[in-house]
């Protein structure tokens, strides 16, 4: 049997076929490992992207809240300024009235002083 060249060729064919099968199995296992590695990398990338996206979303909400709060604060400041301007206008009117009355009192005192000199 070992002397039969066809038998030896058949054994060599089987062995090389078995080697090819082992090579194919090794390549399959390697490709599956690479696919698994790529999937893990994609999962990690997705998690990082989702975390960044959530942080950006939270930051945007925070900025929108701060913008609304600043807008409200500016509105209150304008209202306070308008109220202060009204109060200042009222005080100016009252001061003018007091100054007129003071002028009248001074004039009356001058008249009394003149009357006391002449009288």
N, C-alpha and C. Protein backbone atom coordinates (compact mmCIF):
# COMPACT_ATOMS: atom_id res chain seq x y z
N UNK A 1 0.80 -1.19 0.00
CA UNK A 1 0.00 0.00 0.00
C UNK A 1 0.86 1.27 0.00
N UNK A 2 1.86 1.32 0.87
CA UNK A 2 2.70 2.49 0.91
C UNK A 2 3.54 2.62 -0.36
N UNK A 3 3.62 1.52 -1.10
CA UNK A 3 4.37 1.56 -2.34
C UNK A 3 3.53 2.05 -3.49
N UNK A 4 2.25 2.10 -3.29
CA UNK A 4 1.33 2.51 -4.35
C UNK A 4 1.36 4.04 -4.44
N UNK A 5 1.80 4.61 -5.59
CA UNK A 5 1.88 6.05 -5.72
C UNK A 5 0.53 6.74 -5.66
N UNK A 6 -0.50 6.09 -6.09
CA UNK A 6 -1.85 6.69 -6.04
C UNK A 6 -2.31 6.82 -4.60
N UNK A 7 -1.98 5.81 -3.79
CA UNK A 7 -2.35 5.82 -2.39
C UNK A 7 -1.59 6.94 -1.66
N UNK A 8 -0.32 7.06 -1.94
CA UNK A 8 0.50 8.11 -1.33
C UNK A 8 -0.01 9.48 -1.78
N UNK A 9 -0.36 9.62 -3.06
CA UNK A 9 -0.89 10.88 -3.55
C UNK A 9 -2.21 11.20 -2.87
N UNK A 10 -3.03 10.16 -2.63
CA UNK A 10 -4.31 10.36 -1.97
C UNK A 10 -4.09 10.82 -0.53
N UNK A 11 -3.11 10.18 0.17
CA UNK A 11 -2.82 10.56 1.56
C UNK A 11 -2.29 12.01 1.60
N UNK A 12 -1.41 12.33 0.66
CA UNK A 12 -0.89 13.70 0.60
C UNK A 12 -2.02 14.67 0.32
N UNK A 13 -2.94 14.27 -0.57
CA UNK A 13 -4.10 15.12 -0.87
C UNK A 13 -4.97 15.34 0.36
N UNK A 14 -5.19 14.24 1.11
CA UNK A 14 -6.01 14.35 2.32
C UNK A 14 -5.30 15.24 3.34
N UNK A 15 -3.99 15.03 3.50
CA UNK A 15 -3.24 15.83 4.47
C UNK A 15 -3.25 17.30 4.06
N UNK A 16 -3.03 17.59 2.78
CA UNK A 16 -3.04 18.99 2.34
C UNK A 16 -4.46 19.56 2.44
N UNK A 17 -5.46 18.74 2.16
CA UNK A 17 -6.85 19.20 2.33
C UNK A 17 -7.15 19.49 3.79
N UNK A 18 -6.62 18.60 4.67
CA UNK A 18 -6.79 18.81 6.10
C UNK A 18 -6.07 20.08 6.54
N UNK A 19 -4.89 20.33 5.98
CA UNK A 19 -4.14 21.56 6.27
C UNK A 19 -4.90 22.78 5.79
N UNK A 20 -5.48 22.67 4.60
CA UNK A 20 -6.28 23.78 4.07
C UNK A 20 -7.49 24.03 4.95
N UNK A 21 -8.10 22.91 5.43
CA UNK A 21 -9.26 23.03 6.32
C UNK A 21 -8.85 23.70 7.62
N UNK A 22 -7.70 23.30 8.18
CA UNK A 22 -7.21 23.92 9.41
C UNK A 22 -6.92 25.41 9.18
N UNK A 23 -6.33 25.72 8.03
CA UNK A 23 -6.05 27.12 7.70
C UNK A 23 -7.36 27.90 7.59
N UNK A 24 -8.35 27.31 6.92
CA UNK A 24 -9.64 27.97 6.77
C UNK A 24 -10.30 28.18 8.13
N UNK A 25 -10.20 27.17 9.01
CA UNK A 25 -10.78 27.29 10.36
C UNK A 25 -10.05 28.39 11.13
N UNK A 26 -8.73 28.43 11.03
CA UNK A 26 -7.95 29.45 11.72
C UNK A 26 -8.32 30.85 11.22
N UNK A 27 -8.45 30.99 9.89
CA UNK A 27 -8.84 32.28 9.32
C UNK A 27 -10.25 32.68 9.77
N UNK A 28 -11.16 31.68 9.83
CA UNK A 28 -12.52 31.96 10.30
C UNK A 28 -12.51 32.45 11.74
N UNK A 29 -11.74 31.75 12.59
CA UNK A 29 -11.67 32.14 14.01
C UNK A 29 -11.06 33.53 14.13
N UNK A 30 -10.01 33.80 13.35
CA UNK A 30 -9.37 35.11 13.38
C UNK A 30 -10.34 36.21 12.95
N UNK A 31 -11.10 35.94 11.87
CA UNK A 31 -12.05 36.96 11.39
C UNK A 31 -13.16 37.18 12.41
N UNK A 32 -13.62 36.11 13.07
CA UNK A 32 -14.65 36.27 14.11
C UNK A 32 -14.12 37.10 15.27
N UNK A 33 -12.86 36.87 15.63
CA UNK A 33 -12.25 37.65 16.71
C UNK A 33 -12.15 39.11 16.30
N UNK A 34 -11.78 39.37 15.05
CA UNK A 34 -11.68 40.75 14.56
C UNK A 34 -13.05 41.42 14.55
N UNK A 35 -14.07 40.67 14.11
CA UNK A 35 -15.44 41.21 14.11
C UNK A 35 -15.86 41.52 15.54
N UNK A 36 -15.57 40.62 16.47
CA UNK A 36 -15.89 40.87 17.88
C UNK A 36 -15.17 42.09 18.40
N UNK A 37 -13.91 42.24 18.03
CA UNK A 37 -13.13 43.39 18.45
C UNK A 37 -13.71 44.68 17.88
N UNK A 38 -14.08 44.64 16.61
CA UNK A 38 -14.69 45.82 15.97
C UNK A 38 -16.00 46.16 16.65
N UNK A 39 -16.79 45.15 16.97
CA UNK A 39 -18.07 45.41 17.67
C UNK A 39 -17.83 46.05 19.03
N UNK A 40 -16.82 45.57 19.75
CA UNK A 40 -16.50 46.15 21.06
C UNK A 40 -16.04 47.60 20.90
N UNK A 41 -15.22 47.85 19.88
CA UNK A 41 -14.76 49.23 19.64
C UNK A 41 -15.95 50.12 19.29
N UNK A 42 -16.86 49.60 18.48
CA UNK A 42 -18.05 50.39 18.11
C UNK A 42 -18.91 50.66 19.33
N UNK A 43 -19.04 49.66 20.21
CA UNK A 43 -19.82 49.86 21.44
C UNK A 43 -19.19 50.95 22.29
N UNK A 44 -17.86 50.89 22.42
CA UNK A 44 -17.16 51.90 23.22
C UNK A 44 -17.31 53.28 22.58
N UNK A 45 -17.20 53.34 21.25
CA UNK A 45 -17.36 54.61 20.54
C UNK A 45 -18.78 55.15 20.73
N UNK A 46 -19.77 54.26 20.63
CA UNK A 46 -21.17 54.67 20.81
C UNK A 46 -21.39 55.19 22.23
N UNK A 47 -20.84 54.48 23.21
CA UNK A 47 -21.01 54.92 24.60
C UNK A 47 -20.38 56.30 24.80
N UNK A 48 -19.19 56.50 24.26
CA UNK A 48 -18.52 57.80 24.37
C UNK A 48 -19.31 58.88 23.65
N UNK A 49 -19.80 58.57 22.46
CA UNK A 49 -20.58 59.54 21.68
C UNK A 49 -21.88 59.88 22.41
N UNK A 50 -22.54 58.85 22.96
CA UNK A 50 -23.79 59.09 23.69
C UNK A 50 -23.54 59.94 24.94
N UNK A 51 -22.42 59.66 25.61
CA UNK A 51 -22.08 60.45 26.81
C UNK A 51 -21.81 61.90 26.42
N UNK A 52 -21.05 62.11 25.35
CA UNK A 52 -20.78 63.47 24.87
C UNK A 52 -22.07 64.17 24.47
N UNK A 53 -22.93 63.43 23.78
CA UNK A 53 -24.20 64.00 23.32
C UNK A 53 -25.07 64.40 24.52
N UNK A 54 -25.11 63.54 25.54
CA UNK A 54 -25.91 63.83 26.73
C UNK A 54 -25.35 65.04 27.46
N UNK A 55 -24.01 65.13 27.56
CA UNK A 55 -23.39 66.28 28.22
C UNK A 55 -23.71 67.56 27.46
N UNK A 56 -23.62 67.50 26.12
CA UNK A 56 -23.93 68.68 25.31
C UNK A 56 -25.40 69.07 25.49
N UNK A 57 -26.27 68.08 25.52
CA UNK A 57 -27.70 68.33 25.73
C UNK A 57 -27.93 69.01 27.08
N UNK A 58 -27.28 68.47 28.12
CA UNK A 58 -27.43 69.06 29.46
C UNK A 58 -26.88 70.48 29.51
N UNK A 59 -25.73 70.70 28.85
CA UNK A 59 -25.14 72.04 28.81
C UNK A 59 -26.06 73.02 28.09
N UNK A 60 -26.69 72.58 27.01
CA UNK A 60 -27.62 73.44 26.27
C UNK A 60 -28.81 73.80 27.14
N UNK A 61 -29.36 72.82 27.85
CA UNK A 61 -30.49 73.10 28.75
C UNK A 61 -30.08 74.08 29.84
N UNK A 62 -28.87 73.91 30.38
CA UNK A 62 -28.38 74.81 31.42
C UNK A 62 -28.24 76.23 30.87
N UNK A 63 -27.69 76.35 29.66
CA UNK A 63 -27.54 77.67 29.05
C UNK A 63 -28.89 78.31 28.76
N UNK A 64 -29.85 77.51 28.30
CA UNK A 64 -31.19 78.05 28.04
C UNK A 64 -31.81 78.54 29.33
N UNK A 65 -31.65 77.79 30.42
CA UNK A 65 -32.18 78.20 31.71
C UNK A 65 -31.53 79.50 32.16
N UNK A 66 -30.19 79.57 32.02
CA UNK A 66 -29.48 80.79 32.41
C UNK A 66 -29.91 81.97 31.55
N UNK A 67 -30.12 81.74 30.26
CA UNK A 67 -30.56 82.82 29.37
C UNK A 67 -31.92 83.35 29.83
N UNK A 68 -32.85 82.44 30.13
CA UNK A 68 -34.17 82.88 30.60
C UNK A 68 -34.06 83.62 31.92
N UNK A 69 -33.21 83.13 32.81
CA UNK A 69 -33.04 83.79 34.10
C UNK A 69 -32.43 85.18 33.91
N UNK A 70 -31.43 85.29 33.02
CA UNK A 70 -30.83 86.59 32.74
C UNK A 70 -31.84 87.55 32.12
N UNK A 71 -32.66 87.03 31.22
CA UNK A 71 -33.69 87.86 30.59
C UNK A 71 -34.67 88.38 31.64
N UNK A 72 -35.08 87.49 32.56
CA UNK A 72 -35.99 87.92 33.63
C UNK A 72 -35.32 88.97 34.53
N UNK A 73 -34.05 88.73 34.86
CA UNK A 73 -33.32 89.69 35.71
C UNK A 73 -33.20 91.05 35.03
N UNK A 74 -32.93 91.05 33.74
CA UNK A 74 -32.83 92.32 33.00
C UNK A 74 -34.18 93.03 33.00
N UNK A 75 -35.25 92.27 32.82
CA UNK A 75 -36.59 92.86 32.88
C UNK A 75 -36.86 93.50 34.24
N UNK A 76 -36.47 92.80 35.31
CA UNK A 76 -36.65 93.36 36.65
C UNK A 76 -35.81 94.63 36.85
N UNK A 77 -34.59 94.62 36.33
CA UNK A 77 -33.74 95.81 36.46
C UNK A 77 -34.36 97.00 35.73
N UNK A 78 -34.89 96.76 34.52
CA UNK A 78 -35.55 97.86 33.79
C UNK A 78 -36.77 98.36 34.55
N UNK A 79 -37.54 97.46 35.16
CA UNK A 79 -38.71 97.86 35.93
C UNK A 79 -38.28 98.69 37.14
N UNK A 80 -37.23 98.23 37.83
CA UNK A 80 -36.73 98.99 38.98
C UNK A 80 -36.23 100.37 38.55
N UNK A 81 -35.54 100.42 37.40
CA UNK A 81 -35.05 101.70 36.91
C UNK A 81 -36.22 102.64 36.59
N UNK A 82 -37.26 102.10 35.98
CA UNK A 82 -38.44 102.92 35.67
C UNK A 82 -39.09 103.41 36.96
N UNK A 83 -39.20 102.54 37.96
CA UNK A 83 -39.76 102.94 39.26
C UNK A 83 -38.90 104.01 39.92
N UNK A 84 -37.58 103.83 39.85
CA UNK A 84 -36.68 104.84 40.44
C UNK A 84 -36.83 106.18 39.72
N UNK A 85 -36.95 106.16 38.41
CA UNK A 85 -37.13 107.40 37.65
C UNK A 85 -38.43 108.10 38.05
N UNK A 86 -39.49 107.33 38.28
CA UNK A 86 -40.76 107.93 38.73
C UNK A 86 -40.57 108.57 40.11
N UNK A 87 -39.88 107.86 41.00
CA UNK A 87 -39.65 108.39 42.35
C UNK A 87 -38.81 109.67 42.29
N UNK A 88 -37.81 109.69 41.45
CA UNK A 88 -36.97 110.88 41.30
C UNK A 88 -37.80 112.05 40.76
N UNK A 89 -38.67 111.78 39.80
CA UNK A 89 -39.53 112.84 39.25
C UNK A 89 -40.44 113.40 40.33
N UNK A 90 -41.00 112.53 41.17
CA UNK A 90 -41.87 112.98 42.27
C UNK A 90 -41.07 113.82 43.26
N UNK A 91 -39.87 113.35 43.60
CA UNK A 91 -39.02 114.10 44.54
C UNK A 91 -38.63 115.46 43.96
N UNK A 92 -38.36 115.52 42.66
CA UNK A 92 -38.03 116.81 42.03
C UNK A 92 -39.21 117.77 42.11
N UNK A 93 -40.42 117.25 41.89
CA UNK A 93 -41.62 118.11 42.00
C UNK A 93 -41.76 118.61 43.43
N UNK A 94 -41.58 117.71 44.40
CA UNK A 94 -41.72 118.11 45.79
C UNK A 94 -40.63 119.12 46.18
N UNK A 95 -39.41 118.90 45.70
CA UNK A 95 -38.32 119.82 45.99
C UNK A 95 -38.62 121.20 45.40
N UNK A 96 -39.13 121.22 44.18
CA UNK A 96 -39.49 122.50 43.56
C UNK A 96 -40.54 123.22 44.39
N UNK A 97 -41.53 122.46 44.86
CA UNK A 97 -42.58 123.05 45.68
C UNK A 97 -42.01 123.61 46.99
N UNK A 98 -41.11 122.84 47.60
CA UNK A 98 -40.49 123.29 48.86
C UNK A 98 -39.65 124.54 48.61
N UNK A 99 -38.90 124.57 47.51
CA UNK A 99 -38.07 125.75 47.20
C UNK A 99 -38.92 126.99 46.97
N UNK A 100 -40.05 126.83 46.30
CA UNK A 100 -40.96 127.97 46.08
C UNK A 100 -41.47 128.46 47.43
N UNK A 101 -41.85 127.53 48.28
CA UNK A 101 -42.37 127.91 49.60
C UNK A 101 -41.27 128.57 50.43
N UNK A 102 -40.03 128.05 50.31
CA UNK A 102 -38.92 128.67 51.04
C UNK A 102 -38.68 130.10 50.54
N UNK A 103 -38.75 130.28 49.21
CA UNK A 103 -38.60 131.64 48.66
C UNK A 103 -39.69 132.55 49.22
N UNK A 104 -40.92 132.04 49.30
CA UNK A 104 -42.02 132.83 49.85
C UNK A 104 -41.77 133.17 51.32
N UNK A 105 -41.27 132.20 52.09
CA UNK A 105 -40.99 132.44 53.50
C UNK A 105 -39.88 133.49 53.63
N UNK A 106 -38.84 133.38 52.81
CA UNK A 106 -37.74 134.35 52.85
C UNK A 106 -38.25 135.74 52.49
N UNK A 107 -39.08 135.81 51.44
CA UNK A 107 -39.65 137.12 51.06
C UNK A 107 -40.50 137.68 52.20
N UNK A 108 -41.30 136.83 52.84
CA UNK A 108 -42.14 137.27 53.95
C UNK A 108 -41.27 137.75 55.11
N UNK A 109 -40.21 137.02 55.40
CA UNK A 109 -39.31 137.44 56.48
C UNK A 109 -38.65 138.77 56.16
N UNK A 110 -38.26 138.96 54.89
CA UNK A 110 -37.67 140.24 54.49
C UNK A 110 -38.68 141.37 54.67
N UNK A 111 -39.92 141.10 54.28
CA UNK A 111 -40.98 142.12 54.43
C UNK A 111 -41.19 142.43 55.91
N UNK A 112 -41.21 141.40 56.76
CA UNK A 112 -41.40 141.62 58.19
C UNK A 112 -40.24 142.43 58.77
N UNK A 113 -39.02 142.13 58.28
CA UNK A 113 -37.86 142.85 58.77
C UNK A 113 -37.94 144.31 58.36
N UNK A 114 -38.38 144.56 57.13
CA UNK A 114 -38.52 145.94 56.65
C UNK A 114 -39.63 146.65 57.44
N UNK A 115 -40.72 145.93 57.71
CA UNK A 115 -41.81 146.52 58.46
C UNK A 115 -41.36 146.85 59.90
N UNK A 116 -40.55 146.00 60.48
CA UNK A 116 -40.09 146.24 61.84
C UNK A 116 -39.13 147.43 61.89
N UNK A 117 -38.37 147.66 60.81
CA UNK A 117 -37.47 148.80 60.76
C UNK A 117 -38.28 150.09 60.65
N UNK A 118 -39.35 150.06 59.92
CA UNK A 118 -40.15 151.25 59.64
C UNK A 118 -41.28 151.42 60.64
N UNK A 119 -41.49 150.51 61.37
CA UNK A 119 -42.67 150.58 62.15
C UNK A 119 -42.61 150.61 63.58
